[in-house]
Amino acid sequence: MRQPAIFFGHGSPMNALGGPYGVVWRDVGERLGKPRGVLMVSAHWETRGLGVTDQAWPPTIHDFGNFPAELHAYDYPAPGSPALTARTVEVMTPDIAHPTSEWGLDHGTWSVLTHVWPDADVPVVQLSLDRTLDARGHYERARRLRPLRDEGYVIAGSGDFVHNLRTWKRDGGADPYGWAHSFNEAVKSALVRGDHDALIDWVGLAEDAQMSVPTDEHFLPLLYVAAQADSGEPVSFFNDVIDGGSISMTGVRIG
């Protein structure tokens, strides 16, 4: 029953339509098989207070603009999971977590999972980023989710270690910026050695860290995944590429 915790570097929503990152995500899904469900923390759902999606069939949210019509029409019809929603509220405690039907599956979730489980046959619940918390608050709250892995649920995060759109090279750019590479490697090193305090205090991880994380919403989902790790659990990486010089596609599997 025990499932891994997984972080996906999701990059552009265009990755939903194909490309090399999707090929790797499909391989991740084939290795996983079909868990009881997945609880996803996406960079793209920020709230005051903690929300948990609570629909039998969560809608596909197109939370972006100026992309091809095909992407705006894309549907990922995965079911929700009342059982996972209820269990998430229980472990987080009802005074903290609140079920809601005011969200669904945003592109941080479906652009990745459409490759991981292309048949949309694994139930998906999203957990919001509570913007009243600091980084340590997110990590400590995420620790409450640990029992879910032993109940057959994957705990997942979707964001990017490095996410600086202002410096992103739209032509793809062959080489990452030095600061982006340095930070990406520092995050990987901290994960391997289990130094979660270094991840929480990410500003001190590498020189020019704030160039890699100018705003923290794409980094915070990583803390939800790191918080699930037991001492000595294997840590592996996939899609370890920095796209356009400043968007890290690196994914992490714990367990």
Protein backbone atom coordinates (compact mmCIF):
# COMPACT_ATOMS: atom_id res chain seq x y z
CA MET A 1 0.00 0.00 0.00
CA ARG A 2 2.82 2.46 0.79
CA GLN A 3 3.21 5.01 -1.98
CA PRO A 4 6.04 7.43 -2.80
CA ALA A 5 6.00 11.20 -2.54
CA ILE A 6 6.71 12.91 -5.86
CA PHE A 7 7.50 16.44 -6.98
CA PHE A 8 6.99 17.42 -10.61
CA GLY A 9 8.75 20.36 -12.22
CA HIS A 10 5.85 21.30 -14.48
CA GLY A 11 7.12 24.23 -16.56
CA SER A 12 4.85 25.52 -19.32
CA PRO A 13 1.24 24.30 -19.64
CA MET A 14 2.17 23.50 -23.26
CA ASN A 15 3.86 20.38 -21.88
CA ALA A 16 0.36 18.89 -21.61
CA LEU A 17 0.33 18.56 -25.40
CA GLY A 18 3.49 16.46 -25.61
CA GLY A 19 7.26 16.70 -25.74
CA PRO A 20 10.18 15.07 -23.94
CA TYR A 21 9.07 15.91 -20.40
CA GLY A 22 5.75 14.18 -20.95
CA VAL A 23 7.52 11.03 -22.10
CA VAL A 24 9.36 10.88 -18.79
CA TRP A 25 6.18 11.62 -16.80
CA ARG A 26 4.48 8.71 -18.56
CA ASP A 27 7.34 6.47 -17.46
CA VAL A 28 6.88 7.71 -13.89
CA GLY A 29 3.23 6.68 -14.07
CA GLU A 30 4.00 3.27 -15.51
CA ARG A 31 6.38 2.59 -12.64
CA LEU A 32 3.83 3.81 -10.09
CA GLY A 33 0.91 1.77 -11.34
CA LYS A 34 -2.50 2.84 -10.06
CA PRO A 35 -2.49 4.15 -6.47
CA ARG A 36 -5.67 4.66 -4.48
CA GLY A 37 -5.45 8.37 -5.31
CA VAL A 38 -3.15 11.37 -5.42
CA LEU A 39 -3.14 14.47 -3.22
CA MET A 40 -1.56 17.28 -5.24
CA VAL A 41 -0.18 20.60 -4.01
CA SER A 42 0.10 22.91 -7.02
CA ALA A 43 1.88 26.25 -7.26
CA HIS A 44 -1.26 27.64 -8.87
CA TRP A 45 -3.77 27.42 -6.03
CA GLU A 46 -3.04 30.01 -3.34
CA THR A 47 -5.57 30.79 -0.60
CA ARG A 48 -5.96 32.36 2.82
CA GLY A 49 -6.63 29.29 4.92
CA LEU A 50 -6.30 25.72 3.71
CA GLY A 51 -8.58 24.44 0.96
CA VAL A 52 -9.15 20.84 -0.16
CA THR A 53 -11.07 20.14 -3.38
CA ASP A 54 -14.30 18.31 -2.79
CA GLN A 55 -16.01 17.33 -6.03
CA ALA A 56 -16.95 13.97 -7.50
CA TRP A 57 -15.63 15.27 -10.85
CA PRO A 58 -13.33 18.28 -10.38
CA PRO A 59 -13.34 20.65 -13.38
CA THR A 60 -10.26 21.23 -15.51
CA ILE A 61 -9.20 24.83 -14.84
CA HIS A 62 -7.49 26.78 -17.63
CA ASP A 63 -5.68 29.28 -15.41
CA PHE A 64 -3.60 30.96 -18.11
CA GLY A 65 -3.99 33.16 -21.16
CA ASN A 66 -2.68 33.54 -24.72
CA PHE A 67 -2.10 29.87 -25.41
CA PRO A 68 -3.42 27.83 -28.36
CA ALA A 69 -7.14 27.04 -28.46
CA GLU A 70 -6.30 23.35 -28.17
CA LEU A 71 -4.80 23.95 -24.74
CA HIS A 72 -7.66 26.17 -23.56
CA ALA A 73 -10.08 23.39 -24.54
CA TYR A 74 -8.06 20.59 -22.95
CA ASP A 75 -9.97 18.41 -20.50
CA TYR A 76 -8.55 16.00 -17.91
CA PRO A 77 -11.64 14.20 -16.57
CA ALA A 78 -10.12 12.49 -13.52
CA PRO A 79 -12.51 11.77 -10.66
CA GLY A 80 -12.19 13.34 -7.26
CA SER A 81 -12.15 11.28 -4.07
CA PRO A 82 -14.53 12.05 -1.21
CA ALA A 83 -12.58 9.56 0.90
CA LEU A 84 -9.25 11.32 0.29
CA THR A 85 -10.79 14.75 0.85
CA ALA A 86 -12.28 13.61 4.16
CA ARG A 87 -9.05 11.93 5.25
CA THR A 88 -7.00 15.02 4.37
CA VAL A 89 -9.30 17.22 6.42
CA GLU A 90 -9.05 14.71 9.27
CA VAL A 91 -5.25 14.60 9.41
CA MET A 92 -4.99 18.36 8.99
CA THR A 93 -7.86 18.80 11.53
CA PRO A 94 -11.19 20.37 10.51
CA ASP A 95 -10.37 23.69 12.14
CA ILE A 96 -7.51 24.11 9.67
CA ALA A 97 -8.62 22.42 6.43
CA HIS A 98 -11.88 23.20 4.63
CA PRO A 99 -13.44 21.23 1.76
CA THR A 100 -14.36 23.44 -1.17
CA SER A 101 -15.93 23.18 -4.61
CA GLU A 102 -14.55 26.57 -5.65
CA TRP A 103 -11.48 25.12 -7.36
CA GLY A 104 -10.69 22.05 -9.45
CA LEU A 105 -7.58 20.77 -11.23
CA ASP A 106 -5.36 23.64 -12.37
CA HIS A 107 -2.66 23.35 -15.01
CA GLY A 108 0.03 22.61 -12.43
CA THR A 109 -1.86 19.38 -11.86
CA TRP A 110 -3.45 18.30 -15.11
CA SER A 111 -0.63 19.25 -17.50
CA VAL A 112 1.51 16.68 -15.67
CA LEU A 113 -1.03 14.01 -14.72
CA THR A 114 -2.38 13.77 -18.26
CA HIS A 115 0.91 12.00 -19.00
CA VAL A 116 1.35 10.17 -15.69
CA TRP A 117 -2.14 8.62 -15.88
CA PRO A 118 -3.37 9.34 -19.43
CA ASP A 119 -6.62 7.43 -18.88
CA ALA A 120 -7.56 9.88 -16.07
CA ASP A 121 -8.47 6.86 -13.94
CA VAL A 122 -6.68 7.78 -10.69
CA PRO A 123 -8.67 10.02 -8.31
CA VAL A 124 -7.14 13.46 -7.75
CA VAL A 125 -7.61 15.90 -4.87
CA GLN A 126 -5.84 19.27 -4.66
CA LEU A 127 -4.58 20.91 -1.49
CA SER A 128 -4.07 24.67 -1.57
CA LEU A 129 -1.08 26.75 -0.53
CA ASP A 130 -2.15 28.68 2.56
CA ARG A 131 -0.52 32.09 2.13
CA THR A 132 -0.84 32.90 5.83
CA LEU A 133 2.08 30.50 6.49
CA ASP A 134 5.83 30.95 6.19
CA ALA A 135 8.02 28.22 4.68
CA ARG A 136 8.46 26.39 7.98
CA GLY A 137 4.74 26.56 8.57
CA HIS A 138 4.12 24.85 5.24
CA TYR A 139 6.67 22.14 6.03
CA GLU A 140 5.32 21.45 9.50
CA ARG A 141 1.75 21.31 8.25
CA ALA A 142 2.81 18.96 5.44
CA ARG A 143 4.19 16.51 8.02
CA ARG A 144 0.61 15.81 9.05
CA LEU A 145 0.00 14.17 5.68
CA ARG A 146 2.52 11.39 6.26
CA PRO A 147 -0.02 8.67 7.22
CA LEU A 148 -1.64 8.93 3.78
CA ARG A 149 1.28 7.25 2.03
CA ASP A 150 0.65 4.06 4.01
CA GLU A 151 -3.03 4.18 3.03
CA GLY A 152 -2.31 3.95 -0.70
CA TYR A 153 -2.17 7.65 -1.61
CA VAL A 154 0.59 9.46 -3.48
CA ILE A 155 1.54 12.83 -1.98
CA ALA A 156 2.59 15.06 -4.88
CA GLY A 157 3.76 18.59 -5.49
CA SER A 158 3.92 20.55 -8.73
CA GLY A 159 6.05 23.65 -9.23
CA ASP A 160 9.67 24.34 -10.15
CA PHE A 161 12.90 24.51 -8.11
CA VAL A 162 13.90 27.44 -10.31
CA HIS A 163 11.15 29.64 -11.74
CA ASN A 164 12.17 33.00 -13.15
CA LEU A 165 9.93 33.88 -16.10
CA ARG A 166 11.50 37.32 -16.47
CA THR A 167 14.81 35.77 -17.56
CA TRP A 168 13.37 32.77 -19.41
CA LYS A 169 14.62 32.41 -23.00
CA ARG A 170 11.63 31.76 -25.22
CA ASP A 171 13.81 30.13 -27.87
CA GLY A 172 14.65 27.36 -25.39
CA GLY A 173 18.22 28.49 -24.74
CA ALA A 174 20.70 25.64 -24.61
CA ASP A 175 22.46 26.55 -21.38
CA PRO A 176 21.06 27.41 -17.94
CA TYR A 177 22.12 30.59 -16.23
CA GLY A 178 24.90 29.93 -13.74
CA TRP A 179 22.74 30.97 -10.79
CA ALA A 180 19.92 28.69 -11.93
CA HIS A 181 22.21 25.69 -12.25
CA SER A 182 23.82 26.40 -8.89
CA PHE A 183 20.50 26.65 -7.07
CA ASN A 184 19.06 23.59 -8.78
CA GLU A 185 22.07 21.53 -7.72
CA ALA A 186 21.93 22.89 -4.16
CA VAL A 187 18.28 21.82 -3.85
CA LYS A 188 19.09 18.34 -5.14
CA SER A 189 21.98 18.02 -2.71
CA ALA A 190 19.81 19.06 0.25
CA LEU A 191 17.19 16.50 -0.73
CA VAL A 192 19.74 13.69 -1.00
CA ARG A 193 21.29 14.42 2.38
CA GLY A 194 17.88 14.95 3.99
CA ASP A 195 18.68 18.53 5.02
CA HIS A 196 15.16 19.87 5.07
CA ASP A 197 16.11 22.87 7.20
CA ALA A 198 18.22 24.03 4.25
CA LEU A 199 15.20 23.73 1.96
CA ILE A 200 13.01 25.65 4.39
CA ASP A 201 15.64 28.41 4.56
CA TRP A 202 16.08 28.29 0.79
CA VAL A 203 17.47 31.83 0.56
CA GLY A 204 20.70 30.55 2.06
CA LEU A 205 21.02 27.54 -0.23
CA ALA A 206 23.10 29.20 -2.93
CA GLU A 207 24.39 32.56 -4.08
CA ASP A 208 21.69 34.54 -5.89
CA ALA A 209 19.01 32.14 -4.61
CA GLN A 210 16.38 34.84 -5.01
CA MET A 211 17.06 34.99 -8.74
CA SER A 212 15.92 31.35 -8.84
CA VAL A 213 12.96 31.92 -6.52
CA PRO A 214 11.81 35.52 -7.04
CA THR A 215 8.41 34.47 -5.66
CA ASP A 216 8.00 31.30 -3.65
CA GLU A 217 4.75 29.73 -4.89
CA HIS A 218 6.57 27.38 -7.30
CA PHE A 219 9.09 26.32 -4.63
CA LEU A 220 6.71 25.70 -1.72
CA PRO A 221 5.12 22.51 -3.16
CA LEU A 222 8.56 20.89 -2.86
CA LEU A 223 8.39 21.28 0.93
CA TYR A 224 5.18 19.23 0.97
CA VAL A 225 7.01 16.39 -0.75
CA ALA A 226 10.22 16.64 1.27
CA ALA A 227 8.18 16.57 4.49
CA GLN A 228 7.02 13.03 3.68
CA ALA A 229 10.53 11.55 3.71
CA ASP A 230 11.60 8.99 6.29
CA SER A 231 15.26 8.74 7.23
CA GLY A 232 17.17 6.66 4.69
CA GLU A 233 14.45 6.59 2.04
CA PRO A 234 15.79 6.61 -1.51
CA VAL A 235 15.68 9.92 -3.39
CA SER A 236 15.82 9.95 -7.19
CA PHE A 237 15.46 12.62 -9.86
CA PHE A 238 13.88 12.74 -13.31
CA ASN A 239 13.57 15.37 -16.08
CA ASP A 240 16.66 17.00 -14.59
CA VAL A 241 16.76 19.84 -17.11
CA ILE A 242 16.61 23.63 -16.87
CA ASP A 243 14.38 24.89 -19.66
CA GLY A 244 15.04 28.24 -21.31
CA GLY A 245 17.86 28.98 -18.89
CA SER A 246 15.69 29.64 -15.84
CA ILE A 247 12.80 27.14 -15.45
CA SER A 248 13.80 23.91 -13.70
CA MET A 249 11.94 20.83 -14.88
CA THR A 250 13.62 18.63 -12.25
CA GLY A 251 11.33 16.12 -10.61
CA VAL A 252 11.93 14.18 -7.38
CA ARG A 253 10.71 10.81 -6.18
CA ILE A 254 11.02 9.91 -2.50
CA GLY A 255 10.50 6.24 -1.75
